[in-house]
Amino acid sequence: MSFLESFGGLALALLGAGLAAVLPGIGSAKGTGIAGEAGTGLLCQDPGKFGKVMILQVIPGTQGLYGLVVWFFAIFSMGLLGGDGSVFDMSVQTGLQYFSACLPMALGGLFSAIAQGRVAAGSINILAKKPDHWSKGMVLCITVEFYAILSLLASMLMIINIG
């Protein structure tokens, strides 16, 4: 039995789960950084808007949390937390299924978090110029969030149906 046959399935599954956690985390770091940069400019002028700026900055961070949920759910579904040892017999086909199931969250989380950071930065500009209309910027951020939630849903439904 070759190495790929012995550990390839598990390696592919773990790679998919790892990407589902890491890529949205990278996107969230980038997105919250973009929004944070915009927020610091406004807070220099008006520190009283800190609460609203913080809300807008935190929103792109949700994708990192969604990615962590998919990672946890995938490794739980694989049996890594059960300790029965059967996970080491995972076929390459099953490993590819886990890998594929984690991709929507990995890629959807990465790109939507960065896009949402840009929208949040624009929303901070709304807050700076028309403070009474800042909730419109929130709605724009939530529109991007919808696609992150679809990525989460797609990955979760595929993981549930493996096996």
Protein backbone atom coordinates (compact mmCIF):
# COMPACT_ATOMS: atom_id res chain seq x y z
CA MET A 1 0.00 0.00 0.00
CA SER A 2 1.44 3.37 -1.03
CA PHE A 3 1.72 6.47 1.13
CA LEU A 4 -1.01 8.17 -0.90
CA GLU A 5 -3.35 5.25 -0.30
CA SER A 6 -2.46 5.17 3.40
CA PHE A 7 -2.59 8.85 4.30
CA GLY A 8 -3.67 10.68 1.13
CA GLY A 9 -7.34 10.79 2.01
CA LEU A 10 -6.73 12.19 5.46
CA ALA A 11 -4.14 14.64 4.13
CA LEU A 12 -6.56 15.98 1.52
CA ALA A 13 -9.35 16.28 4.08
CA LEU A 14 -7.12 18.11 6.54
CA LEU A 15 -5.82 20.40 3.79
CA GLY A 16 -9.40 21.35 2.90
CA ALA A 17 -10.33 21.95 6.52
CA GLY A 18 -7.17 23.97 7.08
CA LEU A 19 -7.87 26.14 4.05
CA ALA A 20 -11.42 26.70 5.29
CA ALA A 21 -9.97 28.12 8.51
CA VAL A 22 -6.91 29.98 7.20
CA LEU A 23 -8.13 31.71 4.04
CA PRO A 24 -11.19 33.38 5.59
CA GLY A 25 -8.95 34.36 8.51
CA ILE A 26 -6.55 36.05 6.10
CA GLY A 27 -9.48 37.76 4.39
CA SER A 28 -10.87 38.93 7.72
CA ALA A 29 -7.51 40.31 8.80
CA LYS A 30 -7.25 42.20 5.51
CA GLY A 31 -10.87 43.38 5.61
CA THR A 32 -10.82 44.57 9.20
CA GLY A 33 -7.51 46.28 8.48
CA ILE A 34 -8.97 48.18 5.53
CA ALA A 35 -11.94 49.30 7.62
CA GLY A 36 -9.70 50.10 10.58
CA GLU A 37 -7.51 52.37 8.47
CA ALA A 38 -10.59 54.32 7.37
CA GLY A 39 -11.85 54.40 10.95
CA THR A 40 -8.67 55.87 12.39
CA GLY A 41 -8.93 58.82 10.05
CA LEU A 42 -12.45 59.58 11.24
CA LEU A 43 -11.63 59.03 14.91
CA CYS A 44 -8.84 61.62 14.72
CA GLN A 45 -11.52 64.16 13.86
CA ASP A 46 -14.41 62.82 15.95
CA PRO A 47 -13.56 60.31 18.74
CA GLY A 48 -17.23 60.23 19.75
CA LYS A 49 -17.99 57.99 16.76
CA PHE A 50 -15.83 55.16 18.10
CA GLY A 51 -18.75 52.78 18.76
CA LYS A 52 -20.14 53.02 15.23
CA VAL A 53 -16.68 52.80 13.68
CA MET A 54 -15.91 49.70 15.74
CA ILE A 55 -19.12 48.00 14.57
CA LEU A 56 -18.24 48.71 10.95
CA GLN A 57 -14.69 47.47 11.43
CA VAL A 58 -15.71 44.22 13.12
CA ILE A 59 -18.15 43.14 10.42
CA PRO A 60 -15.49 41.82 7.97
CA GLY A 61 -14.16 39.64 10.80
CA THR A 62 -17.15 37.31 10.73
CA GLN A 63 -15.78 35.32 7.79
CA GLY A 64 -12.84 34.21 9.93
CA LEU A 65 -15.32 32.89 12.48
CA TYR A 66 -17.33 31.10 9.79
CA GLY A 67 -14.15 29.49 8.51
CA LEU A 68 -13.31 28.26 11.99
CA VAL A 69 -16.81 26.78 12.30
CA VAL A 70 -16.35 24.87 9.03
CA TRP A 71 -12.89 23.67 10.14
CA PHE A 72 -14.27 22.42 13.45
CA PHE A 73 -17.29 20.81 11.84
CA ALA A 74 -15.11 19.09 9.21
CA ILE A 75 -12.63 17.61 11.68
CA PHE A 76 -15.49 16.53 13.92
CA SER A 77 -17.24 14.92 10.96
CA MET A 78 -13.99 13.16 9.96
CA GLY A 79 -13.82 11.57 13.38
CA LEU A 80 -10.62 13.28 14.50
CA LEU A 81 -12.23 14.32 17.77
CA GLY A 82 -13.77 10.91 18.39
CA GLY A 83 -10.47 9.13 18.88
CA ASP A 84 -11.54 5.80 17.36
CA GLY A 85 -8.66 5.73 14.86
CA SER A 86 -10.82 4.95 11.82
CA VAL A 87 -10.05 8.35 10.35
CA PHE A 88 -6.59 7.08 9.38
CA ASP A 89 -8.24 4.67 6.96
CA MET A 90 -9.92 7.47 5.01
CA SER A 91 -9.96 6.85 1.28
CA VAL A 92 -8.59 9.35 -1.19
CA GLN A 93 -12.12 9.72 -2.57
CA THR A 94 -13.50 10.69 0.85
CA GLY A 95 -10.56 13.03 1.41
CA LEU A 96 -11.37 14.76 -1.88
CA GLN A 97 -14.98 15.08 -0.78
CA TYR A 98 -13.93 16.88 2.40
CA PHE A 99 -11.46 19.01 0.49
CA SER A 100 -14.14 20.02 -2.04
CA ALA A 101 -16.71 20.63 0.68
CA CYS A 102 -14.40 23.08 2.45
CA LEU A 103 -13.57 25.10 -0.67
CA PRO A 104 -16.73 27.26 -0.74
CA MET A 105 -15.99 28.61 2.73
CA ALA A 106 -12.27 28.91 2.06
CA LEU A 107 -12.62 30.95 -1.11
CA GLY A 108 -15.95 32.63 -0.35
CA GLY A 109 -14.68 33.70 3.05
CA LEU A 110 -11.39 35.03 1.71
CA PHE A 111 -12.85 37.18 -1.03
CA SER A 112 -16.02 38.33 0.73
CA ALA A 113 -14.09 39.50 3.82
CA ILE A 114 -11.81 41.68 1.72
CA ALA A 115 -14.73 43.06 -0.26
CA GLN A 116 -16.66 43.68 2.92
CA GLY A 117 -13.70 45.55 4.39
CA ARG A 118 -13.79 47.90 1.42
CA VAL A 119 -17.54 48.42 1.80
CA ALA A 120 -17.08 49.02 5.53
CA ALA A 121 -14.41 51.63 4.76
CA GLY A 122 -16.85 53.36 2.44
CA SER A 123 -19.50 53.14 5.14
CA ILE A 124 -17.13 54.88 7.54
CA ASN A 125 -16.92 57.68 4.97
CA ILE A 126 -20.72 57.91 5.07
CA LEU A 127 -20.52 58.12 8.86
CA ALA A 128 -17.99 60.95 8.57
CA LYS A 129 -19.97 63.05 6.11
CA LYS A 130 -23.59 62.18 6.89
CA PRO A 131 -23.74 60.63 10.38
CA ASP A 132 -27.51 60.22 10.27
CA HIS A 133 -27.19 57.91 7.26
CA TRP A 134 -24.58 55.49 8.65
CA SER A 135 -27.15 52.68 8.82
CA LYS A 136 -27.25 52.70 5.01
CA GLY A 137 -23.61 51.71 5.06
CA MET A 138 -24.47 48.87 7.43
CA VAL A 139 -27.03 47.57 4.93
CA LEU A 140 -24.37 47.61 2.22
CA CYS A 141 -22.04 45.61 4.48
CA ILE A 142 -24.78 43.10 5.23
CA THR A 143 -25.30 42.57 1.51
CA VAL A 144 -21.73 41.29 1.23
CA GLU A 145 -22.20 39.24 4.43
CA PHE A 146 -25.00 37.35 2.71
CA TYR A 147 -22.48 35.77 0.34
CA ALA A 148 -20.22 34.74 3.19
CA ILE A 149 -23.24 33.06 4.80
CA LEU A 150 -24.00 31.27 1.51
CA SER A 151 -20.41 29.99 1.46
CA LEU A 152 -20.80 28.76 5.04
CA LEU A 153 -24.08 27.06 4.19
CA ALA A 154 -22.67 25.40 1.06
CA SER A 155 -19.70 23.96 2.93
CA MET A 156 -21.80 22.79 5.88
CA LEU A 157 -24.37 21.06 3.66
CA MET A 158 -21.66 19.29 1.69
CA ILE A 159 -19.84 18.14 4.83
CA ILE A 160 -23.11 16.82 6.29
CA ASN A 161 -23.66 14.72 3.16
CA ILE A 162 -20.23 13.04 3.09
CA GLY A 163 -20.45 9.36 3.82
